Amino acid sequence: MSTITATAPAARKPLYASLFVQVLAALFLGIALGVAAPEFAVSLKILSDGFLKLISMIVAPIVFCVVVHGIAGAGDLKKVGRVGVKALIYFEVMTTIALVVGILLAFLFGPGHGMNIDPSTLDAKALSTYAGNAQKLKGEGIGAFLLNIIPSTSFDALARNDVLQVLFFAILFGVSLSLVGGEKGEKVSSMIEAVSTVLFRAMGLIVRVAPLGVLGAVAYTVGKYGVGSLKQLISLVVLFYVSVAIFVLGVLGSVMALAGLNILKFLAYLREELMIVLATASSDAVLPQVMRKLERIGVKDSVVGLVIPTGYSFNLDAFSIYLTLAVVFIAQATNTPLSLGDLLLVLGVSLITSKGAHGVPGSAIVILAATLNAVPSIPAIGLVLVLSVDWFIGMARALGNLIGNCVATVVVAAWEGDLDSTKAAQVLDGSELVDVTTG
């Protein structure tokens, strides 16, 4: 089964064997089942949950192996540190741009104008599920967030699948392994490389059941919420999808052009992964295969190992757009005037709160609540307005976040001179076949 279609006729496989075609077919079948048999469709959520659990099972050990092997193989620890600093600089620049894009589009199109919502009429009980997490996040602050990056034990980080904690331990282990060097270091490095090969092979097997995961996710969504469930807040949903498209094609497309690559070809290369993320509303669902695909496109493994896992917590472009867009939308819907000072406060607070989004239950609502709690002029109860469409917005949010992290990896690699541009061009043009299901 191929995960990317090559243009060379000799490399083509039967249409039914394409993962992209299988996922697309599952998508349409899920919609049909959701419309025709809603109750049965809702019961298919077990397929989506099962697929996500399979992926979750393998994410942490793959991240650990890739990061450790990448650092140990890099040899130059100064280079590793330089890549990390460049990645963080890029993340902050893109996050700031994304936050500003959200504010500008919200003011330009005014999706909340005319709703005239009285905050006192909103049901606060609807937020009870998220209240605890939001209050906890608000009270911890940046210091507690940084402290939480350090795992209680390395095994605990792996067991809880906390990517940021696994990344921290992997960096520490990789640096130590590089410093040990010699025969002992080589033995451990070879063992980790071998384990990584086995894990990627296992990932290839798991990816084969992705169409079932997509079928379950789409059938559940349509069956539970209905096709017309977007009507209530259609303007906000449409504006967010348009905002993500503008950011990806405009901002990220320009950045990719500077690296010498075409954003549309890059998206086509990742189309199977993007389809899975759109259906499951989870970028975690494709983390392992995305890392492998970026390596196959010519990005050095040490860059992939550092940038992708870090980006999952520090580079959430689409989430950043949604954060400021939703805040301004709530203000508009409740007729709350926003001063320049309020907007600057929203921007500053969002730069911090957006970093804690990944891994927090109900992350979008929780982080949005934490942001609003820091901006007293906007009624936090206005969050109730976006609850009903959060799942649909979440699909584009996850999609935009994944694209942003993939672009970040390529750009940082090009910046550092760790991108094989010739190979990347060949792969994106379809002259070189990439199949991650073979490990």
Protein backbone atom coordinates (compact mmCIF):
# COMPACT_ATOMS: atom_id res chain seq x y z
CA MET A 1 0.00 0.00 0.00
CA SER A 2 1.46 3.34 -0.95
CA THR A 3 1.20 6.42 1.20
CA ILE A 4 2.14 8.76 -1.62
CA THR A 5 1.37 8.49 -5.27
CA ALA A 6 4.31 8.87 -7.62
CA THR A 7 3.89 10.36 -11.03
CA ALA A 8 6.12 7.78 -12.68
CA PRO A 9 3.87 5.15 -14.34
CA ALA A 10 6.10 2.29 -13.23
CA ALA A 11 5.62 3.25 -9.61
CA ARG A 12 1.83 3.36 -9.77
CA LYS A 13 -0.23 0.79 -7.88
CA PRO A 14 -3.91 -0.10 -8.26
CA LEU A 15 -6.18 2.76 -7.19
CA TYR A 16 -7.78 0.68 -4.44
CA ALA A 17 -4.34 0.08 -2.92
CA SER A 18 -3.73 3.80 -2.35
CA LEU A 19 -4.08 4.86 1.28
CA PHE A 20 -5.36 8.24 0.13
CA VAL A 21 -8.17 6.62 -1.91
CA GLN A 22 -9.05 4.30 0.99
CA VAL A 23 -9.21 7.21 3.44
CA LEU A 24 -11.30 9.25 1.00
CA ALA A 25 -13.70 6.34 0.52
CA ALA A 26 -13.96 5.92 4.31
CA LEU A 27 -14.71 9.65 4.62
CA PHE A 28 -17.67 9.51 2.21
CA LEU A 29 -18.92 6.24 3.68
CA GLY A 30 -18.83 7.78 7.17
CA ILE A 31 -20.90 10.76 5.99
CA ALA A 32 -23.42 8.45 4.33
CA LEU A 33 -23.77 6.28 7.45
CA GLY A 34 -24.11 9.35 9.65
CA VAL A 35 -27.00 10.63 7.55
CA ALA A 36 -28.74 7.30 6.91
CA ALA A 37 -28.23 5.56 10.27
CA PRO A 38 -27.22 8.09 12.96
CA GLU A 39 -27.47 5.72 15.92
CA PHE A 40 -25.35 3.06 14.26
CA ALA A 41 -22.90 5.73 13.06
CA VAL A 42 -22.40 7.02 16.59
CA SER A 43 -21.54 3.49 17.75
CA LEU A 44 -18.68 3.40 15.21
CA LYS A 45 -16.69 5.86 17.32
CA ILE A 46 -14.95 2.79 18.74
CA LEU A 47 -13.07 2.50 15.42
CA SER A 48 -11.72 6.03 15.73
CA ASP A 49 -10.86 5.59 19.41
CA GLY A 50 -9.10 2.32 18.65
CA PHE A 51 -7.00 3.83 15.87
CA LEU A 52 -6.00 6.81 18.01
CA LYS A 53 -5.01 4.47 20.85
CA LEU A 54 -2.87 2.43 18.48
CA ILE A 55 -1.06 5.58 17.35
CA SER A 56 -0.79 6.87 20.91
CA MET A 57 0.79 3.57 21.93
CA ILE A 58 3.75 4.12 19.63
CA VAL A 59 4.26 7.90 19.59
CA ALA A 60 6.36 8.29 22.75
CA PRO A 61 8.91 5.53 22.06
CA ILE A 62 9.32 6.70 18.44
CA VAL A 63 9.92 10.30 19.55
CA PHE A 64 12.47 9.08 22.11
CA CYS A 65 14.37 6.91 19.61
CA VAL A 66 14.38 9.49 16.81
CA VAL A 67 15.56 12.33 19.05
CA VAL A 68 18.26 10.28 20.81
CA HIS A 69 19.58 8.80 17.58
CA GLY A 70 19.49 12.19 15.85
CA ILE A 71 21.46 13.95 18.60
CA ALA A 72 23.97 11.11 19.01
CA GLY A 73 24.42 10.91 15.24
CA ALA A 74 24.84 14.67 14.85
CA GLY A 75 28.15 14.55 16.69
CA ASP A 76 28.33 18.33 17.17
CA LEU A 77 26.32 19.30 20.25
CA LYS A 78 26.71 22.98 19.40
CA LYS A 79 24.88 22.27 16.15
CA VAL A 80 22.05 20.57 18.04
CA GLY A 81 21.72 23.60 20.32
CA ARG A 82 21.79 25.93 17.34
CA VAL A 83 18.96 24.03 15.66
CA GLY A 84 16.91 24.23 18.88
CA VAL A 85 17.39 27.98 19.18
CA LYS A 86 16.51 28.56 15.53
CA ALA A 87 13.39 26.43 15.91
CA LEU A 88 12.21 28.42 18.95
CA ILE A 89 12.83 31.72 17.16
CA TYR A 90 10.83 30.51 14.17
CA PHE A 91 8.02 29.26 16.44
CA GLU A 92 7.67 32.62 18.17
CA VAL A 93 7.66 34.58 14.92
CA MET A 94 5.02 32.35 13.32
CA THR A 95 2.89 32.25 16.47
CA THR A 96 2.88 36.05 16.64
CA ILE A 97 1.93 36.33 12.96
CA ALA A 98 -0.87 33.76 13.45
CA LEU A 99 -2.25 35.63 16.48
CA VAL A 100 -2.24 38.91 14.54
CA VAL A 101 -3.95 37.24 11.55
CA GLY A 102 -6.74 36.06 13.86
CA ILE A 103 -7.31 39.56 15.24
CA LEU A 104 -7.19 41.26 11.84
CA LEU A 105 -9.64 38.87 10.17
CA ALA A 106 -12.02 39.02 13.13
CA PHE A 107 -12.16 42.81 12.87
CA LEU A 108 -12.28 42.78 9.07
CA PHE A 109 -15.26 40.38 8.82
CA GLY A 110 -16.88 40.86 12.26
CA PRO A 111 -18.42 37.36 12.61
CA GLY A 112 -19.92 38.20 16.02
CA HIS A 113 -21.56 41.48 15.09
CA GLY A 114 -25.34 41.48 15.26
CA MET A 115 -25.66 38.52 17.63
CA ASN A 116 -26.34 40.86 20.60
CA ILE A 117 -25.87 38.16 23.24
CA ASP A 118 -26.58 39.02 26.86
CA PRO A 119 -23.90 37.17 28.91
CA SER A 120 -26.36 36.75 31.80
CA THR A 121 -28.57 34.52 29.64
CA LEU A 122 -25.80 32.01 28.87
CA ASP A 123 -25.71 28.67 30.68
CA ALA A 124 -22.56 28.52 32.82
CA LYS A 125 -23.08 24.78 33.43
CA ALA A 126 -22.00 24.11 29.86
CA LEU A 127 -18.47 25.04 30.88
CA SER A 128 -18.32 22.83 33.97
CA THR A 129 -16.34 20.14 32.15
CA TYR A 130 -13.55 22.58 31.40
CA ALA A 131 -13.65 24.78 34.49
CA GLY A 132 -11.24 22.73 36.57
CA ASN A 133 -8.60 22.51 33.88
CA ALA A 134 -8.94 26.18 32.98
CA GLN A 135 -8.59 27.32 36.59
CA LYS A 136 -5.62 25.00 37.09
CA LEU A 137 -3.91 26.35 33.99
CA LYS A 138 -4.58 29.92 35.05
CA GLY A 139 -3.17 29.39 38.52
CA GLU A 140 -0.02 27.53 37.54
CA GLY A 141 1.59 30.24 35.45
CA ILE A 142 4.60 30.06 33.17
CA GLY A 143 6.91 28.82 35.95
CA ALA A 144 4.79 25.76 36.66
CA PHE A 145 4.45 25.09 32.94
CA LEU A 146 8.23 25.06 32.52
CA LEU A 147 8.64 22.88 35.62
CA ASN A 148 6.09 20.44 34.24
CA ILE A 149 8.37 19.82 31.25
CA ILE A 150 10.60 17.84 33.61
CA PRO A 151 9.05 14.36 34.09
CA SER A 152 8.69 12.78 37.54
CA THR A 153 10.38 9.71 36.08
CA SER A 154 11.38 8.86 32.53
CA PHE A 155 9.02 5.87 32.57
CA ASP A 156 6.14 8.08 33.74
CA ALA A 157 6.63 10.40 30.77
CA LEU A 158 6.57 7.45 28.38
CA ALA A 159 3.58 5.86 30.11
CA ARG A 160 1.51 9.08 29.99
CA ASN A 161 2.59 9.81 26.41
CA ASP A 162 3.59 13.36 27.34
CA VAL A 163 5.50 14.32 24.19
CA LEU A 164 7.16 17.38 25.73
CA GLN A 165 8.43 15.43 28.74
CA VAL A 166 9.60 12.57 26.52
CA LEU A 167 11.40 15.14 24.36
CA PHE A 168 13.13 16.64 27.42
CA PHE A 169 14.38 13.24 28.61
CA ALA A 170 15.37 12.21 25.08
CA ILE A 171 17.46 15.38 24.62
CA LEU A 172 19.19 14.78 27.96
CA PHE A 173 19.79 11.11 27.10
CA GLY A 174 20.98 11.92 23.57
CA VAL A 175 23.43 14.58 24.77
CA SER A 176 24.77 12.21 27.41
CA LEU A 177 25.14 9.43 24.84
CA SER A 178 27.03 11.78 22.54
CA LEU A 179 29.38 12.78 25.38
CA VAL A 180 30.04 9.14 26.35
CA GLY A 181 30.95 8.22 22.77
CA GLY A 182 33.40 5.42 22.11
CA GLU A 183 32.47 1.76 21.95
CA LYS A 184 29.85 1.96 24.71
CA GLY A 185 28.12 4.91 23.11
CA GLU A 186 28.17 3.22 19.71
CA LYS A 187 26.55 0.07 21.09
CA VAL A 188 23.70 1.99 22.71
CA SER A 189 23.25 4.18 19.62
CA SER A 190 23.11 1.10 17.35
CA MET A 191 20.55 -0.54 19.62
CA ILE A 192 18.33 2.57 19.61
CA GLU A 193 18.58 2.78 15.81
CA ALA A 194 17.52 -0.87 15.54
CA VAL A 195 14.60 -0.34 17.93
CA SER A 196 13.59 2.73 15.92
CA THR A 197 13.51 0.66 12.72
CA VAL A 198 11.22 -1.90 14.38
CA LEU A 199 8.93 0.82 15.76
CA PHE A 200 8.57 2.46 12.35
CA ARG A 201 7.74 -0.91 10.86
CA ALA A 202 5.03 -1.33 13.50
CA MET A 203 3.81 2.16 12.65
CA GLY A 204 3.53 1.07 9.02
CA LEU A 205 1.20 -1.74 10.09
CA ILE A 206 -0.93 0.63 12.19
CA VAL A 207 -1.25 3.13 9.33
CA ARG A 208 -2.93 0.43 7.25
CA VAL A 209 -6.02 0.62 9.48
CA ALA A 210 -6.26 4.42 9.20
CA PRO A 211 -9.31 4.20 6.89
CA LEU A 212 -11.24 2.45 9.68
CA GLY A 213 -10.27 5.22 12.09
CA VAL A 214 -11.46 7.86 9.63
CA LEU A 215 -14.71 5.97 9.02
CA GLY A 216 -15.45 5.85 12.75
CA ALA A 217 -14.58 9.51 13.36
CA VAL A 218 -16.63 10.91 10.48
CA ALA A 219 -19.63 8.61 11.03
CA TYR A 220 -19.73 9.57 14.73
CA THR A 221 -19.48 13.30 14.02
CA VAL A 222 -22.23 13.36 11.39
CA GLY A 223 -24.43 10.92 13.32
CA LYS A 224 -24.18 12.85 16.59
CA TYR A 225 -24.22 16.45 15.40
CA GLY A 226 -25.93 16.17 12.03
CA VAL A 227 -24.93 17.75 8.73
CA GLY A 228 -26.75 20.96 9.61
CA SER A 229 -25.10 21.34 13.00
CA LEU A 230 -22.90 24.17 11.75
CA LYS A 231 -25.81 26.53 11.08
CA GLN A 232 -25.75 28.24 14.49
CA LEU A 233 -22.25 29.67 14.11
CA ILE A 234 -21.58 29.17 10.43
CA SER A 235 -19.89 32.55 10.02
CA LEU A 236 -17.26 31.80 12.68
CA VAL A 237 -16.59 28.31 11.31
CA VAL A 238 -16.26 29.48 7.70
CA LEU A 239 -14.07 32.42 8.69
CA PHE A 240 -11.74 30.15 10.65
CA TYR A 241 -11.36 27.71 7.75
CA VAL A 242 -10.66 30.65 5.42
CA SER A 243 -8.17 32.08 7.94
CA VAL A 244 -6.25 28.79 8.11
CA ALA A 245 -6.22 28.57 4.31
CA ILE A 246 -4.91 32.14 4.02
CA PHE A 247 -2.21 31.49 6.59
CA VAL A 248 -1.11 28.18 5.03
CA LEU A 249 -1.09 29.35 1.41
CA GLY A 250 -0.01 32.93 2.06
CA VAL A 251 2.32 32.98 5.06
CA LEU A 252 3.60 29.40 5.11
CA GLY A 253 3.62 29.28 1.31
CA SER A 254 5.90 32.32 1.22
CA VAL A 255 8.20 30.81 3.82
CA MET A 256 8.40 27.55 1.87
CA ALA A 257 9.16 29.51 -1.32
CA LEU A 258 12.14 31.06 0.45
CA ALA A 259 13.32 27.50 1.15
CA GLY A 260 12.95 26.76 -2.57
CA LEU A 261 9.90 24.48 -2.30
CA ASN A 262 6.27 24.70 -3.43
CA ILE A 263 3.64 24.61 -0.66
CA LEU A 264 1.01 22.96 -2.90
CA LYS A 265 3.34 20.11 -3.84
CA PHE A 266 4.28 19.76 -0.18
CA LEU A 267 0.62 19.47 0.83
CA ALA A 268 0.06 16.89 -1.91
CA TYR A 269 2.99 14.90 -0.54
CA LEU A 270 1.36 14.83 2.91
CA ARG A 271 -2.20 14.36 1.64
CA GLU A 272 -2.86 11.00 3.36
CA GLU A 273 -1.74 12.36 6.72
CA LEU A 274 -3.73 15.57 6.25
CA MET A 275 -6.87 13.61 5.40
CA ILE A 276 -6.50 11.48 8.54
CA VAL A 277 -5.99 14.57 10.70
CA LEU A 278 -9.01 16.32 9.15
CA ALA A 279 -11.22 13.33 9.92
CA THR A 280 -9.96 12.58 13.43
CA ALA A 281 -9.32 16.22 14.48
CA SER A 282 -6.04 15.02 16.00
CA SER A 283 -2.53 15.74 14.74
CA ASP A 284 -1.22 13.06 17.11
CA ALA A 285 -2.77 10.49 14.77
CA VAL A 286 0.00 10.98 12.21
CA LEU A 287 3.02 12.08 14.24
CA PRO A 288 5.19 8.99 13.59
CA GLN A 289 4.59 8.77 9.85
CA VAL A 290 5.02 12.53 9.40
CA MET A 291 8.44 12.32 11.04
CA ARG A 292 9.42 9.50 8.70
CA LYS A 293 8.09 11.32 5.62
CA LEU A 294 10.08 14.45 6.48
CA GLU A 295 13.23 12.36 6.77
CA ARG A 296 12.49 10.74 3.39
CA ILE A 297 12.10 14.17 1.79
CA GLY A 298 15.69 15.01 2.68
CA VAL A 299 15.48 16.61 6.14
CA LYS A 300 18.22 15.44 8.49
CA ASP A 301 16.86 13.13 11.20
CA SER A 302 18.33 15.20 14.03
CA VAL A 303 16.33 18.24 12.83
CA VAL A 304 13.13 16.21 12.48
CA GLY A 305 13.61 14.72 15.93
CA LEU A 306 14.00 18.13 17.57
CA VAL A 307 11.60 20.37 15.64
CA ILE A 308 8.50 18.19 15.20
CA PRO A 309 8.00 17.08 18.86
CA THR A 310 8.85 20.57 20.16
CA GLY A 311 6.51 22.15 17.64
CA TYR A 312 3.59 20.06 18.92
CA SER A 313 3.66 22.21 22.08
CA PHE A 314 5.34 25.43 20.97
CA ASN A 315 4.23 25.93 17.36
CA LEU A 316 0.44 25.79 17.12
CA ASP A 317 -0.24 28.14 14.22
CA ALA A 318 -3.90 27.32 13.58
CA PHE A 319 -4.65 27.20 17.29
CA SER A 320 -3.11 30.67 17.68
CA ILE A 321 -5.35 32.00 14.89
CA TYR A 322 -8.38 30.50 16.61
CA LEU A 323 -7.40 31.90 20.00
CA THR A 324 -7.49 35.56 18.99
CA LEU A 325 -10.31 35.05 16.46
CA ALA A 326 -12.54 33.47 19.12
CA VAL A 327 -11.71 36.12 21.73
CA VAL A 328 -12.67 38.96 19.39
CA PHE A 329 -15.75 37.01 18.21
CA ILE A 330 -16.98 36.64 21.81
CA ALA A 331 -16.40 40.35 22.42
CA GLN A 332 -18.35 41.23 19.28
CA ALA A 333 -21.19 38.81 20.06
CA THR A 334 -21.61 40.25 23.58
CA ASN A 335 -21.19 43.86 22.40
CA THR A 336 -18.02 44.28 24.47
CA PRO A 337 -15.85 47.16 23.22
CA LEU A 338 -12.14 46.38 22.89
CA SER A 339 -9.49 49.05 23.29
CA LEU A 340 -6.00 48.88 21.80
CA GLY A 341 -4.74 48.02 25.28
CA ASP A 342 -7.17 45.08 25.47
CA LEU A 343 -5.98 43.78 22.11
CA LEU A 344 -2.32 44.06 23.10
CA LEU A 345 -3.14 42.24 26.36
CA VAL A 346 -4.93 39.48 24.42
CA LEU A 347 -1.91 39.19 22.11
CA GLY A 348 0.60 39.04 24.98
CA VAL A 349 -1.39 36.57 27.06
CA SER A 350 -2.07 34.37 24.04
CA LEU A 351 1.64 34.10 23.30
CA ILE A 352 2.02 32.40 26.67
CA THR A 353 -1.21 30.41 27.03
CA SER A 354 -0.98 28.92 23.52
CA LYS A 355 2.15 27.03 24.58
CA GLY A 356 0.18 24.84 26.96
CA ALA A 357 -2.47 23.74 24.50
CA HIS A 358 -1.18 20.33 23.50
CA GLY A 359 -2.03 17.53 25.89
CA VAL A 360 -4.59 19.50 27.94
CA PRO A 361 -8.06 17.84 27.99
CA GLY A 362 -10.48 20.03 25.99
CA SER A 363 -7.44 22.14 25.16
CA ALA A 364 -9.10 24.75 22.93
CA ILE A 365 -11.80 25.68 25.46
CA VAL A 366 -9.41 25.37 28.41
CA ILE A 367 -6.76 27.65 26.89
CA LEU A 368 -9.40 30.06 25.62
CA ALA A 369 -10.84 30.23 29.15
CA ALA A 370 -7.39 30.88 30.61
CA THR A 371 -6.83 33.66 28.08
CA LEU A 372 -10.18 35.32 28.79
CA ASN A 373 -9.58 35.12 32.54
CA ALA A 374 -6.57 37.37 31.99
CA VAL A 375 -8.68 39.89 30.02
CA PRO A 376 -11.39 41.05 32.49
CA SER A 377 -13.22 43.24 29.98
CA ILE A 378 -14.45 40.21 27.98
CA PRO A 379 -17.03 37.94 29.67
CA ALA A 380 -15.53 34.44 29.97
CA ILE A 381 -19.02 32.93 29.94
CA GLY A 382 -19.06 33.81 26.23
CA LEU A 383 -17.15 30.55 25.70
CA VAL A 384 -20.52 28.82 25.70
CA LEU A 385 -21.09 30.36 22.27
CA VAL A 386 -18.30 28.33 20.62
CA LEU A 387 -18.84 24.98 22.37
CA SER A 388 -21.32 23.65 19.84
CA VAL A 389 -18.94 24.02 16.90
CA ASP A 390 -15.64 23.29 18.62
CA TRP A 391 -15.34 19.83 17.07
CA PHE A 392 -15.72 21.18 13.53
CA ILE A 393 -13.30 24.01 14.19
CA GLY A 394 -10.98 21.45 15.80
CA MET A 395 -10.60 19.61 12.49
CA ALA A 396 -9.11 22.66 10.76
CA ARG A 397 -7.18 23.54 13.90
CA ALA A 398 -5.40 20.19 13.95
CA LEU A 399 -4.82 20.36 10.20
CA GLY A 400 -3.28 23.84 10.35
CA ASN A 401 -1.11 22.93 13.33
CA LEU A 402 0.31 19.89 11.55
CA ILE A 403 1.06 21.80 8.34
CA GLY A 404 2.72 24.55 10.37
CA ASN A 405 5.00 22.07 12.13
CA CYS A 406 5.93 20.27 8.93
CA VAL A 407 6.79 23.57 7.24
CA ALA A 408 8.76 24.65 10.32
CA THR A 409 10.86 21.49 10.13
CA VAL A 410 11.68 22.02 6.46
CA VAL A 411 12.44 25.73 6.95
CA VAL A 412 14.69 25.20 10.00
CA ALA A 413 16.50 22.43 8.11
CA ALA A 414 17.04 24.74 5.13
CA TRP A 415 18.17 27.52 7.47
CA GLU A 416 20.69 25.18 9.07
CA GLY A 417 21.82 23.61 5.76
CA ASP A 418 20.37 20.22 6.72
CA LEU A 419 17.91 19.94 3.82
CA ASP A 420 18.75 17.98 0.69
CA SER A 421 16.99 20.34 -1.72
CA THR A 422 17.61 18.12 -4.75
CA LYS A 423 16.04 15.11 -3.09
CA ALA A 424 13.15 17.21 -1.77
CA ALA A 425 12.40 18.49 -5.27
CA GLN A 426 12.49 14.95 -6.69
CA VAL A 427 10.12 13.62 -4.03
CA LEU A 428 7.68 16.52 -4.36
CA ASP A 429 7.70 16.19 -8.13
CA GLY A 430 6.75 12.53 -7.71
CA SER A 431 9.87 11.10 -9.37
CA GLU A 432 10.87 9.32 -6.18
CA LEU A 433 8.37 7.02 -4.44
CA VAL A 434 7.97 7.28 -0.67
CA ASP A 435 6.20 4.49 1.21
CA VAL A 436 6.19 4.76 5.01
CA THR A 437 4.08 1.63 5.48
CA THR A 438 7.19 -0.43 4.82
CA GLY A 439 8.90 1.18 7.83
